[in-house]
C-alpha atoms as a PDB file:
ATOM      1  CA  MET A   1      -6.783  11.126 -12.812  1.00  0.00           C
ATOM      2  CA  SER A   2      -4.196  12.097 -10.206  1.00  0.00           C
ATOM      3  CA  GLU A   3      -4.677  10.534  -6.792  1.00  0.00           C
ATOM      4  CA  TRP A   4      -4.205  13.914  -5.127  1.00  0.00           C
ATOM      5  CA  LEU A   5      -6.978  15.303  -7.325  1.00  0.00           C
ATOM      6  CA  VAL A   6      -9.173  12.413  -6.221  1.00  0.00           C
ATOM      7  CA  LEU A   7      -8.359  13.209  -2.587  1.00  0.00           C
ATOM      8  CA  THR A   8      -9.188  16.890  -3.075  1.00  0.00           C
ATOM      9  CA  LEU A   9     -12.485  16.094  -4.775  1.00  0.00           C
ATOM     10  CA  ALA A  10     -13.405  13.545  -2.086  1.00  0.00           C
ATOM     11  CA  MET A  11     -12.716  15.983   0.746  1.00  0.00           C
ATOM     12  CA  ALA A  12     -14.539  18.805  -1.046  1.00  0.00           C
ATOM     13  CA  ALA A  13     -17.508  16.545  -1.749  1.00  0.00           C
ATOM     14  CA  ALA A  14     -17.686  15.416   1.892  1.00  0.00           C
ATOM     15  CA  CYS A  15     -17.643  19.035   3.081  1.00  0.00           C
ATOM     16  CA  ALA A  16     -20.238  20.091   0.506  1.00  0.00           C
ATOM     17  CA  VAL A  17     -22.645  17.299   1.433  1.00  0.00           C
ATOM     18  CA  VAL A  18     -22.382  17.945   5.163  1.00  0.00           C
ATOM     19  CA  LEU A  19     -22.696  21.719   4.877  1.00  0.00           C
ATOM     20  CA  THR A  20     -25.627  21.425   2.462  1.00  0.00           C
ATOM     21  CA  ILE A  21     -27.475  19.171   4.885  1.00  0.00           C
ATOM     22  CA  VAL A  22     -26.740  21.562   7.742  1.00  0.00           C
ATOM     23  CA  VAL A  23     -28.103  24.549   5.798  1.00  0.00           C
ATOM     24  CA  ILE A  24     -31.201  22.685   4.630  1.00  0.00           C
ATOM     25  CA  ASN A  25     -31.844  21.315   8.110  1.00  0.00           C
ATOM     26  CA  HIS A  26     -31.461  24.799   9.624  1.00  0.00           C
ATOM     27  CA  ARG A  27     -34.143  26.202   7.338  1.00  0.00           C
ATOM     28  CA  ARG A  28     -36.576  23.573   8.599  1.00  0.00           C
ATOM     29  CA  VAL A  29     -36.007  24.468  12.251  1.00  0.00           C
ATOM     30  CA  GLY A  30     -38.536  26.794  13.819  1.00  0.00           C
ATOM     31  CA  ASP A  31     -37.640  30.091  15.434  1.00  0.00           C
ATOM     32  CA  ASP A  32     -38.636  28.779  18.849  1.00  0.00           C
ATOM     33  CA  ASP A  33     -36.175  25.869  18.710  1.00  0.00           C
ATOM     34  CA  ASP A  34     -33.576  25.864  21.479  1.00  0.00           C
ATOM     35  CA  PRO A  35     -30.211  24.223  20.537  1.00  0.00           C
ATOM     36  CA  ASN A  36     -29.398  23.822  24.210  1.00  0.00           C
ATOM     37  CA  GLU A  37     -32.117  21.188  24.547  1.00  0.00           C
ATOM     38  CA  THR A  38     -29.989  18.426  23.057  1.00  0.00           C
ATOM     39  CA  PRO A  39     -30.211  15.495  25.519  1.00  0.00           C
ATOM     40  CA  ASP A  40     -26.979  14.677  27.304  1.00  0.00           C
ATOM     41  CA  VAL A  41     -27.260  11.021  26.288  1.00  0.00           C
ATOM     42  CA  ILE A  42     -27.091  11.999  22.610  1.00  0.00           C
ATOM     43  CA  GLU A  43     -23.910  13.984  23.182  1.00  0.00           C
ATOM     44  CA  TYR A  44     -22.437  11.077  25.132  1.00  0.00           C
ATOM     45  CA  MET A  45     -23.326   8.489  22.472  1.00  0.00           C
ATOM     46  CA  THR A  46     -22.020  10.727  19.687  1.00  0.00           C
ATOM     47  CA  MET A  47     -18.729  11.116  21.520  1.00  0.00           C
ATOM     48  CA  MET A  48     -18.411   7.381  22.214  1.00  0.00           C
ATOM     49  CA  ILE A  49     -19.186   6.365  18.622  1.00  0.00           C
ATOM     50  CA  GLY A  50     -16.631   8.907  17.398  1.00  0.00           C
ATOM     51  CA  VAL A  51     -13.988   7.480  19.739  1.00  0.00           C
ATOM     52  CA  VAL A  52     -14.713   3.891  18.710  1.00  0.00           C
ATOM     53  CA  TYR A  53     -14.580   4.811  15.032  1.00  0.00           C
ATOM     54  CA  ALA A  54     -11.316   6.696  15.567  1.00  0.00           C
ATOM     55  CA  ILE A  55      -9.804   3.548  17.095  1.00  0.00           C
ATOM     56  CA  VAL A  56     -10.999   1.473  14.125  1.00  0.00           C
ATOM     57  CA  LEU A  57      -9.508   3.976  11.692  1.00  0.00           C
ATOM     58  CA  GLY A  58      -6.221   3.941  13.596  1.00  0.00           C
ATOM     59  CA  LEU A  59      -6.040   0.163  13.489  1.00  0.00           C
ATOM     60  CA  ALA A  60      -6.832   0.120   9.769  1.00  0.00           C
ATOM     61  CA  ILE A  61      -4.141   2.704   9.009  1.00  0.00           C
ATOM     62  CA  ALA A  62      -1.612   0.800  11.125  1.00  0.00           C
ATOM     63  CA  GLY A  63      -2.486  -2.437   9.325  1.00  0.00           C
ATOM     64  CA  VAL A  64      -2.072  -1.114   5.789  1.00  0.00           C
ATOM     65  CA  TRP A  65       1.093   0.789   6.772  1.00  0.00           C
ATOM     66  CA  GLU A  66       2.589  -2.399   8.190  1.00  0.00           C
ATOM     67  CA  ALA A  67       1.661  -4.257   4.993  1.00  0.00           C
ATOM     68  CA  ARG A  68       3.400  -1.581   2.943  1.00  0.00           C
ATOM     69  CA  GLY A  69       6.519  -1.845   5.106  1.00  0.00           C
ATOM     70  CA  ALA A  70       6.524  -5.637   4.757  1.00  0.00           C
ATOM     71  CA  ALA A  71       6.164  -5.306   0.985  1.00  0.00           C
ATOM     72  CA  GLN A  72       9.138  -2.958   0.790  1.00  0.00           C
ATOM     73  CA  GLU A  73      11.184  -5.357   2.916  1.00  0.00           C
ATOM     74  CA  THR A  74      10.465  -8.267   0.563  1.00  0.00           C
ATOM     75  CA  VAL A  75      11.704  -6.122  -2.331  1.00  0.00           C
ATOM     76  CA  ARG A  76      14.907  -5.400  -0.431  1.00  0.00           C
ATOM     77  CA  GLN A  77      15.426  -9.090   0.355  1.00  0.00           C
ATOM     78  CA  GLU A  78      14.873 -10.105  -3.254  1.00  0.00           C
ATOM     79  CA  ALA A  79      17.262  -7.468  -4.592  1.00  0.00           C
ATOM     80  CA  GLN A  80      19.892  -8.307  -1.971  1.00  0.00           C
ATOM     81  CA  ALA A  81      19.758 -12.041  -2.746  1.00  0.00           C
ATOM     82  CA  LEU A  82      20.190 -11.375  -6.463  1.00  0.00           C
ATOM     83  CA  HIS A  83      23.058  -8.978  -5.769  1.00  0.00           C
ATOM     84  CA  GLU A  84      24.787 -11.653  -3.672  1.00  0.00           C
ATOM     85  CA  ILE A  85      24.409 -14.140  -6.532  1.00  0.00           C
ATOM     86  CA  SER A  86      26.100 -11.738  -8.934  1.00  0.00           C
ATOM     87  CA  ALA A  87      28.918 -11.161  -6.450  1.00  0.00           C
ATOM     88  CA  ARG A  88      29.540 -14.750  -5.386  1.00  0.00           C
ATOM     89  CA  VAL A  89      29.799 -16.202  -8.900  1.00  0.00           C
ATOM     90  CA  GLU A  90      33.171 -14.471  -9.105  1.00  0.00           C
ATOM     91  CA  VAL A  91      34.783 -17.824  -8.282  1.00  0.00           C
ATOM     92  CA  TYR A  92      33.261 -19.455 -11.371  1.00  0.00           C
ATOM     93  CA  PRO A  93      34.900 -19.523 -14.818  1.00  0.00           C
ATOM     94  CA  THR A  94      34.465 -16.364 -16.863  1.00  0.00           C
ATOM     95  CA  ALA A  95      31.920 -17.779 -19.308  1.00  0.00           C
ATOM     96  CA  VAL A  96      29.726 -19.224 -16.532  1.00  0.00           C
ATOM     97  CA  ARG A  97      30.081 -16.113 -14.409  1.00  0.00           C
ATOM     98  CA  GLU A  98      29.072 -13.791 -17.232  1.00  0.00           C
ATOM     99  CA  ARG A  99      26.087 -15.972 -18.203  1.00  0.00           C
ATOM    100  CA  ILE A 100      24.695 -16.000 -14.655  1.00  0.00           C
ATOM    101  CA  ARG A 101      25.205 -12.269 -14.236  1.00  0.00           C
ATOM    102  CA  ALA A 102      23.540 -11.610 -17.584  1.00  0.00           C
ATOM    103  CA  ASP A 103      20.518 -13.669 -16.535  1.00  0.00           C
ATOM    104  CA  VAL A 104      20.317 -11.820 -13.212  1.00  0.00           C
ATOM    105  CA  ASP A 105      20.586  -8.457 -14.956  1.00  0.00           C
ATOM    106  CA  ALA A 106      17.898  -9.457 -17.451  1.00  0.00           C
ATOM    107  CA  TYR A 107      15.568 -10.422 -14.615  1.00  0.00           C
ATOM    108  CA  VAL A 108      16.205  -7.246 -12.635  1.00  0.00           C
ATOM    109  CA  SER A 109      15.779  -5.077 -15.724  1.00  0.00           C
ATOM    110  CA  TYR A 110      12.452  -6.719 -16.515  1.00  0.00           C
ATOM    111  CA  VAL A 111      11.213  -6.328 -12.932  1.00  0.00           C
ATOM    112  CA  VAL A 112      12.068  -2.620 -12.814  1.00  0.00           C
ATOM    113  CA  ASP A 113      10.901  -1.655 -16.303  1.00  0.00           C
ATOM    114  CA  ASP A 114       8.000  -4.014 -17.014  1.00  0.00           C
ATOM    115  CA  GLU A 115       6.832  -6.113 -14.067  1.00  0.00           C
ATOM    116  CA  TRP A 116       6.417  -3.179 -11.678  1.00  0.00           C
ATOM    117  CA  PRO A 117       3.807  -1.452 -13.895  1.00  0.00           C
ATOM    118  CA  TYR A 118       2.214  -4.867 -14.508  1.00  0.00           C
ATOM    119  CA  MET A 119       1.830  -5.446 -10.763  1.00  0.00           C
ATOM    120  CA  SER A 120       0.295  -2.004 -10.321  1.00  0.00           C
ATOM    121  CA  GLU A 121      -2.271  -2.679 -13.018  1.00  0.00           C
ATOM    122  CA  HIS A 122      -3.100  -6.361 -12.436  1.00  0.00           C
ATOM    123  CA  GLY A 123      -2.211  -6.923  -8.783  1.00  0.00           C
ATOM    124  CA  GLU A 124      -0.118 -10.026  -9.536  1.00  0.00           C
ATOM    125  CA  LEU A 125       3.229 -11.160 -10.910  1.00  0.00           C
ATOM    126  CA  SER A 126       3.808 -11.648 -14.614  1.00  0.00           C
ATOM    127  CA  GLU A 127       4.533 -14.968 -16.293  1.00  0.00           C
ATOM    128  CA  ARG A 128       7.546 -13.488 -18.062  1.00  0.00           C
ATOM    129  CA  GLY A 129       9.108 -12.547 -14.738  1.00  0.00           C
ATOM    130  CA  THR A 130       8.623 -16.098 -13.499  1.00  0.00           C
ATOM    131  CA  GLU A 131      10.326 -17.428 -16.634  1.00  0.00           C
ATOM    132  CA  LEU A 132      13.322 -15.142 -16.124  1.00  0.00           C
ATOM    133  CA  MET A 133      13.622 -16.215 -12.481  1.00  0.00           C
ATOM    134  CA  ASP A 134      13.568 -19.857 -13.601  1.00  0.00           C
ATOM    135  CA  GLN A 135      16.339 -19.052 -16.062  1.00  0.00           C
ATOM    136  CA  VAL A 136      18.469 -17.651 -13.222  1.00  0.00           C
ATOM    137  CA  ARG A 137      17.857 -20.838 -11.247  1.00  0.00           C
ATOM    138  CA  ARG A 138      18.845 -23.060 -14.172  1.00  0.00           C
ATOM    139  CA  SER A 139      21.999 -21.040 -14.830  1.00  0.00           C
ATOM    140  CA  VAL A 140      23.087 -21.524 -11.213  1.00  0.00           C
ATOM    141  CA  THR A 141      22.057 -25.152 -10.684  1.00  0.00           C
ATOM    142  CA  ASP A 142      23.109 -26.573 -14.068  1.00  0.00           C
ATOM    143  CA  TYR A 143      26.772 -25.761 -13.580  1.00  0.00           C
ATOM    144  CA  GLN A 144      28.881 -28.565 -12.104  1.00  0.00           C
ATOM    145  CA  PRO A 145      31.708 -27.185  -9.921  1.00  0.00           C
ATOM    146  CA  ALA A 146      35.138 -28.207 -11.167  1.00  0.00           C
ATOM    147  CA  THR A 147      37.152 -27.346  -8.045  1.00  0.00           C
ATOM    148  CA  ASP A 148      36.669 -27.479  -4.285  1.00  0.00           C
ATOM    149  CA  HIS A 149      36.511 -23.702  -4.183  1.00  0.00           C
ATOM    150  CA  GLU A 150      33.676 -23.674  -6.706  1.00  0.00           C
ATOM    151  CA  GLY A 151      31.975 -26.513  -4.848  1.00  0.00           C
ATOM    152  CA  GLN A 152      31.997 -24.513  -1.616  1.00  0.00           C
ATOM    153  CA  ALA A 153      30.280 -21.610  -3.388  1.00  0.00           C
ATOM    154  CA  TYR A 154      27.683 -23.766  -5.160  1.00  0.00           C
ATOM    155  CA  GLN A 155      25.260 -24.528  -2.305  1.00  0.00           C
ATOM    156  CA  PRO A 156      25.162 -20.948  -0.962  1.00  0.00           C
ATOM    157  CA  LEU A 157      24.342 -19.777  -4.484  1.00  0.00           C
ATOM    158  CA  VAL A 158      21.494 -22.283  -4.730  1.00  0.00           C
ATOM    159  CA  ASP A 159      20.210 -21.073  -1.354  1.00  0.00           C
ATOM    160  CA  LEU A 160      20.331 -17.471  -2.546  1.00  0.00           C
ATOM    161  CA  VAL A 161      18.267 -18.360  -5.607  1.00  0.00           C
ATOM    162  CA  GLY A 162      15.706 -19.941  -3.308  1.00  0.00           C
ATOM    163  CA  ALA A 163      15.694 -16.843  -1.094  1.00  0.00           C
ATOM    164  CA  ALA A 164      15.194 -14.577  -4.109  1.00  0.00           C
ATOM    165  CA  ASP A 165      12.350 -16.754  -5.414  1.00  0.00           C
ATOM    166  CA  ASP A 166      10.714 -16.826  -1.988  1.00  0.00           C
ATOM    167  CA  ALA A 167      10.912 -13.039  -1.730  1.00  0.00           C
ATOM    168  CA  ARG A 168       9.464 -12.783  -5.228  1.00  0.00           C
ATOM    169  CA  ASN A 169       6.513 -14.941  -4.232  1.00  0.00           C
ATOM    170  CA  ALA A 170       5.980 -12.771  -1.144  1.00  0.00           C
ATOM    171  CA  ARG A 171       6.040  -9.724  -3.403  1.00  0.00           C
ATOM    172  CA  GLY A 172       3.359 -11.344  -5.526  1.00  0.00           C
ATOM    173  CA  ASP A 173       1.223 -12.090  -2.474  1.00  0.00           C
ATOM    174  CA  GLY A 174       1.389  -8.427  -1.479  1.00  0.00           C
ATOM    175  CA  ALA A 175       0.695  -7.031  -4.945  1.00  0.00           C
ATOM    176  CA  ALA A 176      -3.082  -7.062  -4.536  1.00  0.00           C
ATOM    177  CA  ALA A 177      -5.189  -5.060  -2.104  1.00  0.00           C
ATOM    178  CA  THR A 178      -4.868  -6.288   1.479  1.00  0.00           C
ATOM    179  CA  MET A 179      -8.096  -4.971   3.046  1.00  0.00           C
ATOM    180  CA  PRO A 180     -11.086  -7.353   2.758  1.00  0.00           C
ATOM    181  CA  GLY A 181     -14.321  -6.001   1.360  1.00  0.00           C
ATOM    182  CA  VAL A 182     -16.143  -6.502   4.643  1.00  0.00           C
ATOM    183  CA  VAL A 183     -13.623  -4.196   6.360  1.00  0.00           C
ATOM    184  CA  TRP A 184     -14.229  -1.510   3.769  1.00  0.00           C
ATOM    185  CA  PHE A 185     -17.966  -1.912   4.315  1.00  0.00           C
ATOM    186  CA  GLY A 186     -17.443  -1.349   8.037  1.00  0.00           C
ATOM    187  CA  LEU A 187     -15.192   1.669   7.500  1.00  0.00           C
ATOM    188  CA  ILE A 188     -17.559   3.387   5.076  1.00  0.00           C
ATOM    189  CA  THR A 189     -20.635   2.577   7.163  1.00  0.00           C
ATOM    190  CA  GLY A 190     -18.863   3.850  10.270  1.00  0.00           C
ATOM    191  CA  ALA A 191     -17.951   7.066   8.459  1.00  0.00           C
ATOM    192  CA  LEU A 192     -21.576   7.646   7.470  1.00  0.00           C
ATOM    193  CA  VAL A 193     -22.734   6.995  11.023  1.00  0.00           C
ATOM    194  CA  ALA A 194     -20.035   9.184  12.579  1.00  0.00           C
ATOM    195  CA  VAL A 195     -20.791  12.092  10.242  1.00  0.00           C
ATOM    196  CA  GLY A 196     -24.532  11.565  10.447  1.00  0.00           C
ATOM    197  CA  LEU A 197     -24.561  11.744  14.223  1.00  0.00           C
ATOM    198  CA  ILE A 198     -23.246  15.303  14.263  1.00  0.00           C
ATOM    199  CA  PHE A 199     -26.634  16.419  12.939  1.00  0.00           C
ATOM    200  CA  THR A 200     -28.242  15.255  16.181  1.00  0.00           C
ATOM    201  CA  LEU A 201     -26.373  18.057  17.973  1.00  0.00           C
ATOM    202  CA  GLN A 202     -28.503  20.767  16.306  1.00  0.00           C
ATOM    203  CA  ILE A 203     -25.718  22.504  14.429  1.00  0.00           C
ATOM    204  CA  ARG A 204     -26.459  26.124  13.575  1.00  0.00           C
ATOM    205  CA  ARG A 205     -25.350  28.168  10.591  1.00  0.00           C
ATOM    206  CA  THR A 206     -22.686  30.053  12.499  1.00  0.00           C
ATOM    207  CA  PHE A 207     -19.267  30.193  10.875  1.00  0.00           C
ATOM    208  CA  ARG A 208     -17.614  28.282  13.707  1.00  0.00           C
ATOM    209  CA  GLU A 209     -20.064  25.388  13.649  1.00  0.00           C
ATOM    210  CA  LEU A 210     -20.055  25.106   9.861  1.00  0.00           C
ATOM    211  CA  LEU A 211     -16.245  25.185   9.830  1.00  0.00           C
ATOM    212  CA  LEU A 212     -15.974  22.417  12.421  1.00  0.00           C
ATOM    213  CA  ALA A 213     -18.561  20.256  10.641  1.00  0.00           C
ATOM    214  CA  GLY A 214     -16.741  20.684   7.327  1.00  0.00           C
ATOM    215  CA  LEU A 215     -13.317  19.948   8.810  1.00  0.00           C
ATOM    216  CA  TYR A 216     -14.647  16.865  10.608  1.00  0.00           C
ATOM    217  CA  SER A 217     -16.108  15.389   7.426  1.00  0.00           C
ATOM    218  CA  ALA A 218     -13.003  16.302   5.406  1.00  0.00           C
ATOM    219  CA  LEU A 219     -10.768  14.626   7.987  1.00  0.00           C
ATOM    220  CA  ILE A 220     -12.708  11.370   7.769  1.00  0.00           C
ATOM    221  CA  ALA A 221     -12.569  11.529   3.954  1.00  0.00           C
ATOM    222  CA  PHE A 222      -8.800  12.080   4.126  1.00  0.00           C
ATOM    223  CA  LEU A 223      -8.244   9.137   6.496  1.00  0.00           C
ATOM    224  CA  LEU A 224     -10.318   6.814   4.305  1.00  0.00           C
ATOM    225  CA  PHE A 225      -8.315   7.957   1.276  1.00  0.00           C
ATOM    226  CA  LEU A 226      -5.087   7.301   3.193  1.00  0.00           C
ATOM    227  CA  ILE A 227      -6.188   3.732   3.958  1.00  0.00           C
ATOM    228  CA  TRP A 228      -7.168   3.203   0.332  1.00  0.00           C
ATOM    229  CA  ASP A 229      -3.836   4.577  -0.900  1.00  0.00           C
ATOM    230  CA  PHE A 230      -1.809   2.294   1.404  1.00  0.00           C
ATOM    231  CA  ASP A 231      -4.059  -0.701   0.728  1.00  0.00           C
ATOM    232  CA  ALA A 232      -2.243  -1.732  -2.486  1.00  0.00           C
ATOM    233  CA  PRO A 233       1.483  -1.715  -1.543  1.00  0.00           C
ATOM    234  CA  PHE A 234       2.662  -1.732  -5.167  1.00  0.00           C
ATOM    235  CA  GLY A 235      -0.210  -0.087  -6.948  1.00  0.00           C
ATOM    236  CA  ARG A 236      -0.855   3.445  -5.738  1.00  0.00           C
ATOM    237  CA  GLY A 237       0.842   6.746  -4.962  1.00  0.00           C
ATOM    238  CA  ILE A 238       2.447   6.021  -1.587  1.00  0.00           C
ATOM    239  CA  SER A 239       3.643   2.539  -2.467  1.00  0.00           C
ATOM    240  CA  ALA A 240       6.653   0.276  -2.220  1.00  0.00           C
ATOM    241  CA  THR A 241       9.271   1.124  -4.827  1.00  0.00           C
ATOM    242  CA  ALA A 242      11.858  -0.705  -6.892  1.00  0.00           C
ATOM    243  CA  GLY A 243      14.575   1.389  -5.262  1.00  0.00           C
ATOM    244  CA  PRO A 244      16.557  -1.588  -3.864  1.00  0.00           C
ATOM    245  CA  PHE A 245      16.890  -3.025  -7.383  1.00  0.00           C
ATOM    246  CA  THR A 246      18.047   0.223  -8.959  1.00  0.00           C
ATOM    247  CA  THR A 247      20.451   0.859  -6.061  1.00  0.00           C
ATOM    248  CA  LEU A 248      22.120  -2.564  -6.160  1.00  0.00           C
ATOM    249  CA  PHE A 249      21.958  -2.860  -9.962  1.00  0.00           C
ATOM    250  CA  PRO A 250      22.572   0.667 -11.273  1.00  0.00           C
ATOM    251  CA  GLN A 251      23.514  -0.719 -14.677  1.00  0.00           C
ATOM    252  CA  VAL A 252      19.933  -1.889 -15.292  1.00  0.00           C
ATOM    253  CA  GLY A 253      18.001   0.867 -13.551  1.00  0.00           C
ATOM    254  CA  GLY A 254      14.786   1.819 -15.342  1.00  0.00           C
END
């Protein structure tokens, strides 16, 4: 099911539930009920709880957005390190140079075509990707430089392999959802409280009041969906992409 369809259904369901409760509650109210009798303290507490919950939602959205940005940066660092390896082996003999570049291309091709969907589905790195990264490391470290020029390039290449592997591990750490379950419990409970409190204000069945109640509930549903969508940096619609790999290695783009 499309994530946008899920969002639409969630917002529609939130509106339907709230408006249904408003209509049912209105039918139970007597004709002599005065909506102006709502105590001021209830209005004040409703406003304060709404403000506090808005701050919590803002912090949650900022947190998952920052995690997504960090995930995309690790992808860029990994792709850049591998690109530098392919470029700097130019000083090596042709056979060695071609072998290292072939191993790098094989790794990048697997990441773009196979490991990215695997991360989205399982929330972790694949064993095959780890094996291909180890093969890149062996190809670089097993060669013994024959000249001073090659020797000067050797250690930077080893460092670049380490940087690529470190970025890969960071990508694996960010593959799963970042929001703890207890935070989700607080967000959902807060949403129920925030929406539930609007019924203490004696909403009537006027078009304006029903519209505002529906929009308020739909907005909260949208913000919760936004947090959920950002929560898995590699697994959902608005996620980190393999763009740096396909940009730096167009020959192996998926």
